């Protein structure tokens, strides 16, 4: 089945990590990075994944990693499509 999937979009608030994943330049200071990072680089090079920058205060992943005020909590909850009863 040769179904063609569109690239998966990954948003990140770290411009350095997006740059490193998009540019296959190996420097001495980043050789310690785990092998799974290289898989992300391969996926980006193959066009399976696209990386995008999102400002830190607009990142819905903060819902899972930070204590948020009620307004941001509701905003990010709605963006992620989470439903609470």
C-alpha atoms as a PDB file:
ATOM      1  CA  UNK A   1       0.000   0.000   0.000  1.00  0.00           C
ATOM      2  CA  UNK A   2       1.821   3.068  -1.170  1.00  0.00           C
ATOM      3  CA  UNK A   3      -0.132   5.589   0.843  1.00  0.00           C
ATOM      4  CA  UNK A   4       1.695   8.905   1.048  1.00  0.00           C
ATOM      5  CA  UNK A   5       1.513  10.598   4.439  1.00  0.00           C
ATOM      6  CA  UNK A   6       2.022  14.318   4.802  1.00  0.00           C
ATOM      7  CA  UNK A   7       4.952  15.384   6.999  1.00  0.00           C
ATOM      8  CA  UNK A   8       4.369  15.448  10.733  1.00  0.00           C
ATOM      9  CA  UNK A   9       4.618  18.966  12.151  1.00  0.00           C
ATOM     10  CA  UNK A  10       6.574  19.351  15.378  1.00  0.00           C
ATOM     11  CA  UNK A  11       6.537  22.694  17.166  1.00  0.00           C
ATOM     12  CA  UNK A  12       9.392  23.648  19.449  1.00  0.00           C
ATOM     13  CA  UNK A  13      10.340  26.690  21.454  1.00  0.00           C
ATOM     14  CA  UNK A  14      14.088  26.047  21.240  1.00  0.00           C
ATOM     15  CA  UNK A  15      15.601  27.539  18.108  1.00  0.00           C
ATOM     16  CA  UNK A  16      18.934  25.824  18.721  1.00  0.00           C
ATOM     17  CA  UNK A  17      17.430  22.341  18.650  1.00  0.00           C
ATOM     18  CA  UNK A  18      15.452  23.150  15.497  1.00  0.00           C
ATOM     19  CA  UNK A  19      18.610  24.430  13.813  1.00  0.00           C
ATOM     20  CA  UNK A  20      20.649  21.380  14.824  1.00  0.00           C
ATOM     21  CA  UNK A  21      17.951  18.997  13.573  1.00  0.00           C
ATOM     22  CA  UNK A  22      17.574  20.784  10.260  1.00  0.00           C
ATOM     23  CA  UNK A  23      21.287  21.238   9.515  1.00  0.00           C
ATOM     24  CA  UNK A  24      23.369  18.097   9.429  1.00  0.00           C
ATOM     25  CA  UNK A  25      26.546  19.731  10.680  1.00  0.00           C
ATOM     26  CA  UNK A  26      28.522  17.758  13.227  1.00  0.00           C
ATOM     27  CA  UNK A  27      30.513  19.900  15.592  1.00  0.00           C
ATOM     28  CA  UNK A  28      32.709  18.729  18.439  1.00  0.00           C
ATOM     29  CA  UNK A  29      30.357  20.301  21.007  1.00  0.00           C
ATOM     30  CA  UNK A  30      27.331  18.250  19.917  1.00  0.00           C
ATOM     31  CA  UNK A  31      28.906  14.802  19.538  1.00  0.00           C
ATOM     32  CA  UNK A  32      27.661  13.754  22.990  1.00  0.00           C
ATOM     33  CA  UNK A  33      24.025  13.854  21.856  1.00  0.00           C
ATOM     34  CA  UNK A  34      22.106  10.572  22.049  1.00  0.00           C
ATOM     35  CA  UNK A  35      21.632   8.418  18.946  1.00  0.00           C
ATOM     36  CA  UNK A  36      17.841   9.039  18.890  1.00  0.00           C
ATOM     37  CA  UNK A  37      18.632  12.656  17.931  1.00  0.00           C
ATOM     38  CA  UNK A  38      20.178  11.350  14.725  1.00  0.00           C
ATOM     39  CA  UNK A  39      16.894   9.602  13.878  1.00  0.00           C
ATOM     40  CA  UNK A  40      15.107  12.973  14.052  1.00  0.00           C
ATOM     41  CA  UNK A  41      17.728  14.447  11.706  1.00  0.00           C
ATOM     42  CA  UNK A  42      17.115  11.581   9.276  1.00  0.00           C
ATOM     43  CA  UNK A  43      13.338  12.104   9.403  1.00  0.00           C
ATOM     44  CA  UNK A  44      13.768  15.827   8.727  1.00  0.00           C
ATOM     45  CA  UNK A  45      16.124  15.111   5.813  1.00  0.00           C
ATOM     46  CA  UNK A  46      13.640  12.585   4.352  1.00  0.00           C
ATOM     47  CA  UNK A  47      10.786  15.083   4.661  1.00  0.00           C
ATOM     48  CA  UNK A  48       8.817  12.907   7.095  1.00  0.00           C
ATOM     49  CA  UNK A  49       8.977  15.574   9.817  1.00  0.00           C
ATOM     50  CA  UNK A  50       8.859  19.372   9.632  1.00  0.00           C
ATOM     51  CA  UNK A  51      10.062  21.463  12.538  1.00  0.00           C
ATOM     52  CA  UNK A  52       8.531  24.836  13.382  1.00  0.00           C
ATOM     53  CA  UNK A  53       9.365  27.471  15.960  1.00  0.00           C
ATOM     54  CA  UNK A  54       6.691  28.541  18.412  1.00  0.00           C
ATOM     55  CA  UNK A  55       7.176  31.208  21.071  1.00  0.00           C
ATOM     56  CA  UNK A  56       7.620  29.797  24.557  1.00  0.00           C
ATOM     57  CA  UNK A  57       4.561  31.540  25.990  1.00  0.00           C
ATOM     58  CA  UNK A  58       2.382  30.154  23.164  1.00  0.00           C
ATOM     59  CA  UNK A  59       3.560  26.543  23.419  1.00  0.00           C
ATOM     60  CA  UNK A  60       0.657  24.224  24.348  1.00  0.00           C
ATOM     61  CA  UNK A  61       3.131  21.606  25.630  1.00  0.00           C
ATOM     62  CA  UNK A  62       3.473  23.833  28.709  1.00  0.00           C
ATOM     63  CA  UNK A  63       0.176  22.307  29.823  1.00  0.00           C
ATOM     64  CA  UNK A  64       2.096  19.093  30.553  1.00  0.00           C
ATOM     65  CA  UNK A  65       5.317  20.596  31.918  1.00  0.00           C
ATOM     66  CA  UNK A  66       4.435  23.697  33.968  1.00  0.00           C
ATOM     67  CA  UNK A  67       2.016  24.979  36.550  1.00  0.00           C
ATOM     68  CA  UNK A  68      -0.199  27.335  34.576  1.00  0.00           C
ATOM     69  CA  UNK A  69      -2.732  29.951  35.498  1.00  0.00           C
ATOM     70  CA  UNK A  70      -6.354  29.192  34.765  1.00  0.00           C
ATOM     71  CA  UNK A  71      -6.520  31.298  31.565  1.00  0.00           C
ATOM     72  CA  UNK A  72      -3.487  29.636  29.946  1.00  0.00           C
ATOM     73  CA  UNK A  73      -4.663  26.224  31.126  1.00  0.00           C
ATOM     74  CA  UNK A  74      -8.030  26.645  29.383  1.00  0.00           C
ATOM     75  CA  UNK A  75      -6.402  28.073  26.256  1.00  0.00           C
ATOM     76  CA  UNK A  76      -3.912  25.225  25.854  1.00  0.00           C
ATOM     77  CA  UNK A  77      -6.515  22.613  26.815  1.00  0.00           C
ATOM     78  CA  UNK A  78      -8.758  23.832  24.017  1.00  0.00           C
ATOM     79  CA  UNK A  79      -5.865  23.944  21.511  1.00  0.00           C
ATOM     80  CA  UNK A  80      -4.999  20.331  22.260  1.00  0.00           C
ATOM     81  CA  UNK A  81      -8.627  19.236  22.046  1.00  0.00           C
ATOM     82  CA  UNK A  82      -8.712  17.870  25.591  1.00  0.00           C
ATOM     83  CA  UNK A  83     -12.140  17.471  27.161  1.00  0.00           C
ATOM     84  CA  UNK A  84     -12.751  17.385  30.899  1.00  0.00           C
ATOM     85  CA  UNK A  85     -16.119  16.530  32.440  1.00  0.00           C
END
